[in-house]
Amino acid sequence: METSIAWNEDICIAEIRKFCKLDEISESLMCSATNQMNLSARAYHRILKLARTIADLGGSETIQPPHLAEALQYRPKLMVN
């Protein structure tokens, strides 16, 4: 079966489970980040796709915790006054 994905941004939600699999440590990191940063489902998926891109650029077949950490760094910080 051939996929029609040209770019990681084209990954649909159903394909995220296939292309953005996380190991136990990465899953724990994303769970903590989701709770601490109050991430929406959309933000969660966007971070996974960005982490996939970072992993691809690094030549990694899997998303590792450093890839997730870098993707999370790019999230805008909310300023509370």
N, C-alpha and C. Protein backbone atom coordinates (compact mmCIF):
# COMPACT_ATOMS: atom_id res chain seq x y z
N MET A 1 0.85 -1.18 0.00
CA MET A 1 0.00 0.00 0.00
C MET A 1 0.89 1.24 0.00
N GLU A 2 0.68 2.11 -0.95
CA GLU A 2 1.47 3.33 -1.06
C GLU A 2 0.76 4.46 -0.33
N THR A 3 1.54 5.29 0.32
CA THR A 3 0.98 6.41 1.05
C THR A 3 1.07 7.67 0.21
N SER A 4 0.15 8.60 0.45
CA SER A 4 0.14 9.85 -0.31
C SER A 4 0.75 11.00 0.49
N ILE A 5 1.52 10.67 1.50
CA ILE A 5 2.11 11.68 2.36
C ILE A 5 3.42 12.17 1.73
N ALA A 6 3.46 13.46 1.41
CA ALA A 6 4.68 14.05 0.88
C ALA A 6 5.46 14.76 1.98
N TRP A 7 4.74 15.32 2.93
CA TRP A 7 5.33 16.09 4.02
C TRP A 7 4.71 15.62 5.34
N ASN A 8 5.46 15.78 6.42
CA ASN A 8 4.92 15.39 7.73
C ASN A 8 3.67 16.18 8.09
N GLU A 9 3.55 17.41 7.60
CA GLU A 9 2.35 18.19 7.89
C GLU A 9 1.11 17.57 7.26
N ASP A 10 1.30 16.68 6.26
CA ASP A 10 0.19 16.02 5.59
C ASP A 10 -0.33 14.79 6.35
N ILE A 11 0.34 14.41 7.42
CA ILE A 11 -0.07 13.24 8.19
C ILE A 11 -1.42 13.55 8.85
N CYS A 12 -2.41 12.71 8.57
CA CYS A 12 -3.72 12.91 9.21
C CYS A 12 -3.70 12.24 10.59
N ILE A 13 -4.69 12.54 11.36
CA ILE A 13 -4.74 12.03 12.74
C ILE A 13 -4.68 10.51 12.77
N ALA A 14 -5.35 9.86 11.84
CA ALA A 14 -5.35 8.39 11.81
C ALA A 14 -3.96 7.83 11.54
N GLU A 15 -3.14 8.56 10.79
CA GLU A 15 -1.80 8.08 10.44
C GLU A 15 -0.74 8.41 11.51
N ILE A 16 -1.08 9.29 12.44
CA ILE A 16 -0.13 9.66 13.48
C ILE A 16 0.31 8.43 14.27
N ARG A 17 -0.61 7.53 14.57
CA ARG A 17 -0.26 6.33 15.33
C ARG A 17 0.76 5.47 14.59
N LYS A 18 0.70 5.50 13.27
CA LYS A 18 1.61 4.69 12.46
C LYS A 18 2.99 5.34 12.35
N PHE A 19 3.02 6.64 12.09
CA PHE A 19 4.28 7.32 11.79
C PHE A 19 4.91 8.02 12.99
N CYS A 20 4.16 8.21 14.06
CA CYS A 20 4.67 8.95 15.23
C CYS A 20 4.58 8.10 16.49
N LYS A 21 5.00 6.86 16.39
CA LYS A 21 4.97 5.97 17.55
C LYS A 21 5.97 6.44 18.60
N LEU A 22 5.58 6.32 19.85
CA LEU A 22 6.43 6.74 20.96
C LEU A 22 6.78 5.55 21.83
N ASP A 23 8.02 5.55 22.34
CA ASP A 23 8.39 4.52 23.30
C ASP A 23 7.84 4.93 24.67
N GLU A 24 8.08 4.12 25.67
CA GLU A 24 7.52 4.36 27.00
C GLU A 24 7.99 5.69 27.60
N ILE A 25 9.27 5.99 27.45
CA ILE A 25 9.83 7.23 28.00
C ILE A 25 9.23 8.44 27.29
N SER A 26 9.15 8.37 25.98
CA SER A 26 8.59 9.48 25.19
C SER A 26 7.11 9.68 25.50
N GLU A 27 6.41 8.58 25.69
CA GLU A 27 4.99 8.66 26.04
C GLU A 27 4.81 9.35 27.38
N SER A 28 5.67 9.03 28.33
CA SER A 28 5.62 9.66 29.65
C SER A 28 5.92 11.16 29.55
N LEU A 29 6.90 11.52 28.73
CA LEU A 29 7.25 12.93 28.51
C LEU A 29 6.06 13.69 27.92
N MET A 30 5.40 13.10 26.92
CA MET A 30 4.26 13.77 26.30
C MET A 30 3.09 13.88 27.27
N CYS A 31 2.89 12.88 28.11
CA CYS A 31 1.82 12.93 29.10
C CYS A 31 2.07 14.08 30.09
N SER A 32 3.30 14.18 30.56
CA SER A 32 3.66 15.27 31.48
C SER A 32 3.50 16.63 30.82
N ALA A 33 3.97 16.74 29.58
CA ALA A 33 3.88 18.01 28.86
C ALA A 33 2.43 18.39 28.61
N THR A 34 1.60 17.41 28.28
CA THR A 34 0.19 17.68 28.03
C THR A 34 -0.48 18.25 29.28
N ASN A 35 -0.16 17.67 30.42
CA ASN A 35 -0.75 18.13 31.67
C ASN A 35 -0.20 19.49 32.10
N GLN A 36 1.12 19.66 32.05
CA GLN A 36 1.74 20.89 32.50
C GLN A 36 1.46 22.07 31.59
N MET A 37 1.42 21.81 30.27
CA MET A 37 1.22 22.89 29.31
C MET A 37 -0.24 23.02 28.89
N ASN A 38 -1.08 22.16 29.45
CA ASN A 38 -2.51 22.18 29.13
C ASN A 38 -2.74 22.13 27.62
N LEU A 39 -2.13 21.14 26.98
CA LEU A 39 -2.19 21.03 25.52
C LEU A 39 -3.54 20.49 25.06
N SER A 40 -4.03 21.05 23.99
CA SER A 40 -5.24 20.53 23.35
C SER A 40 -4.84 19.31 22.51
N ALA A 41 -5.81 18.59 22.03
CA ALA A 41 -5.53 17.44 21.16
C ALA A 41 -4.83 17.91 19.89
N ARG A 42 -5.26 19.05 19.37
CA ARG A 42 -4.63 19.59 18.16
C ARG A 42 -3.16 19.92 18.42
N ALA A 43 -2.86 20.56 19.54
CA ALA A 43 -1.48 20.90 19.88
C ALA A 43 -0.65 19.63 20.07
N TYR A 44 -1.23 18.64 20.71
CA TYR A 44 -0.55 17.35 20.92
C TYR A 44 -0.13 16.75 19.59
N HIS A 45 -1.05 16.72 18.63
CA HIS A 45 -0.75 16.14 17.32
C HIS A 45 0.27 16.98 16.55
N ARG A 46 0.20 18.29 16.67
CA ARG A 46 1.16 19.15 16.00
C ARG A 46 2.57 18.93 16.56
N ILE A 47 2.67 18.75 17.86
CA ILE A 47 3.98 18.48 18.47
C ILE A 47 4.53 17.14 17.99
N LEU A 48 3.67 16.13 17.90
CA LEU A 48 4.12 14.83 17.40
C LEU A 48 4.62 14.94 15.97
N LYS A 49 3.92 15.69 15.13
CA LYS A 49 4.36 15.84 13.74
C LYS A 49 5.67 16.60 13.66
N LEU A 50 5.84 17.62 14.49
CA LEU A 50 7.09 18.36 14.51
C LEU A 50 8.23 17.47 15.02
N ALA A 51 7.97 16.68 16.04
CA ALA A 51 8.98 15.76 16.56
C ALA A 51 9.37 14.74 15.49
N ARG A 52 8.40 14.30 14.69
CA ARG A 52 8.67 13.38 13.59
C ARG A 52 9.61 14.03 12.58
N THR A 53 9.38 15.31 12.29
CA THR A 53 10.24 16.04 11.36
C THR A 53 11.66 16.16 11.92
N ILE A 54 11.76 16.50 13.20
CA ILE A 54 13.07 16.62 13.85
C ILE A 54 13.80 15.28 13.81
N ALA A 55 13.08 14.20 14.08
CA ALA A 55 13.69 12.86 14.03
C ALA A 55 14.14 12.55 12.60
N ASP A 56 13.34 12.90 11.62
CA ASP A 56 13.71 12.67 10.22
C ASP A 56 14.99 13.42 9.86
N LEU A 57 15.07 14.68 10.28
CA LEU A 57 16.26 15.48 9.98
C LEU A 57 17.51 14.91 10.65
N GLY A 58 17.32 14.25 11.78
CA GLY A 58 18.43 13.62 12.48
C GLY A 58 18.72 12.21 12.00
N GLY A 59 17.95 11.73 11.03
CA GLY A 59 18.17 10.40 10.48
C GLY A 59 17.68 9.28 11.37
N SER A 60 16.77 9.58 12.28
CA SER A 60 16.26 8.59 13.21
C SER A 60 14.94 7.99 12.69
N GLU A 61 14.84 6.69 12.79
CA GLU A 61 13.61 6.02 12.36
C GLU A 61 12.49 6.20 13.38
N THR A 62 12.87 6.43 14.64
CA THR A 62 11.88 6.58 15.69
C THR A 62 12.01 7.95 16.35
N ILE A 63 10.92 8.39 16.95
CA ILE A 63 10.94 9.64 17.70
C ILE A 63 11.50 9.34 19.08
N GLN A 64 12.56 10.04 19.44
CA GLN A 64 13.23 9.87 20.73
C GLN A 64 12.88 11.03 21.65
N PRO A 65 13.08 10.87 22.96
CA PRO A 65 12.79 11.97 23.89
C PRO A 65 13.44 13.30 23.51
N PRO A 66 14.70 13.32 23.03
CA PRO A 66 15.27 14.62 22.64
C PRO A 66 14.51 15.30 21.49
N HIS A 67 13.95 14.50 20.60
CA HIS A 67 13.15 15.07 19.49
C HIS A 67 11.89 15.72 20.04
N LEU A 68 11.24 15.05 20.99
CA LEU A 68 10.05 15.61 21.62
C LEU A 68 10.38 16.86 22.42
N ALA A 69 11.48 16.80 23.15
CA ALA A 69 11.88 17.96 23.97
C ALA A 69 12.12 19.18 23.08
N GLU A 70 12.77 18.96 21.93
CA GLU A 70 13.01 20.08 21.02
C GLU A 70 11.69 20.61 20.47
N ALA A 71 10.80 19.72 20.07
CA ALA A 71 9.49 20.15 19.54
C ALA A 71 8.71 20.93 20.59
N LEU A 72 8.77 20.50 21.83
CA LEU A 72 8.06 21.19 22.91
C LEU A 72 8.63 22.58 23.17
N GLN A 73 9.93 22.75 22.93
CA GLN A 73 10.56 24.06 23.13
C GLN A 73 9.98 25.12 22.19
N TYR A 74 9.48 24.69 21.06
CA TYR A 74 8.97 25.63 20.07
C TYR A 74 7.54 26.09 20.36
N ARG A 75 6.91 25.50 21.38
CA ARG A 75 5.56 25.93 21.76
C ARG A 75 5.62 27.33 22.33
N PRO A 76 4.73 28.21 21.90
CA PRO A 76 4.74 29.55 22.48
C PRO A 76 4.41 29.52 23.97
N LYS A 77 5.09 30.33 24.71
CA LYS A 77 4.84 30.42 26.15
C LYS A 77 3.73 31.44 26.39
N LEU A 78 2.81 31.10 27.24
CA LEU A 78 1.74 32.04 27.58
C LEU A 78 2.24 32.99 28.65
N MET A 79 2.03 34.24 28.43
CA MET A 79 2.42 35.25 29.40
C MET A 79 1.22 35.55 30.30
N VAL A 80 1.39 35.34 31.58
CA VAL A 80 0.31 35.60 32.53
C VAL A 80 0.68 36.84 33.33
N ASN A 81 -0.17 37.83 33.29
CA ASN A 81 0.06 39.09 34.03
C ASN A 81 -0.97 39.26 35.12
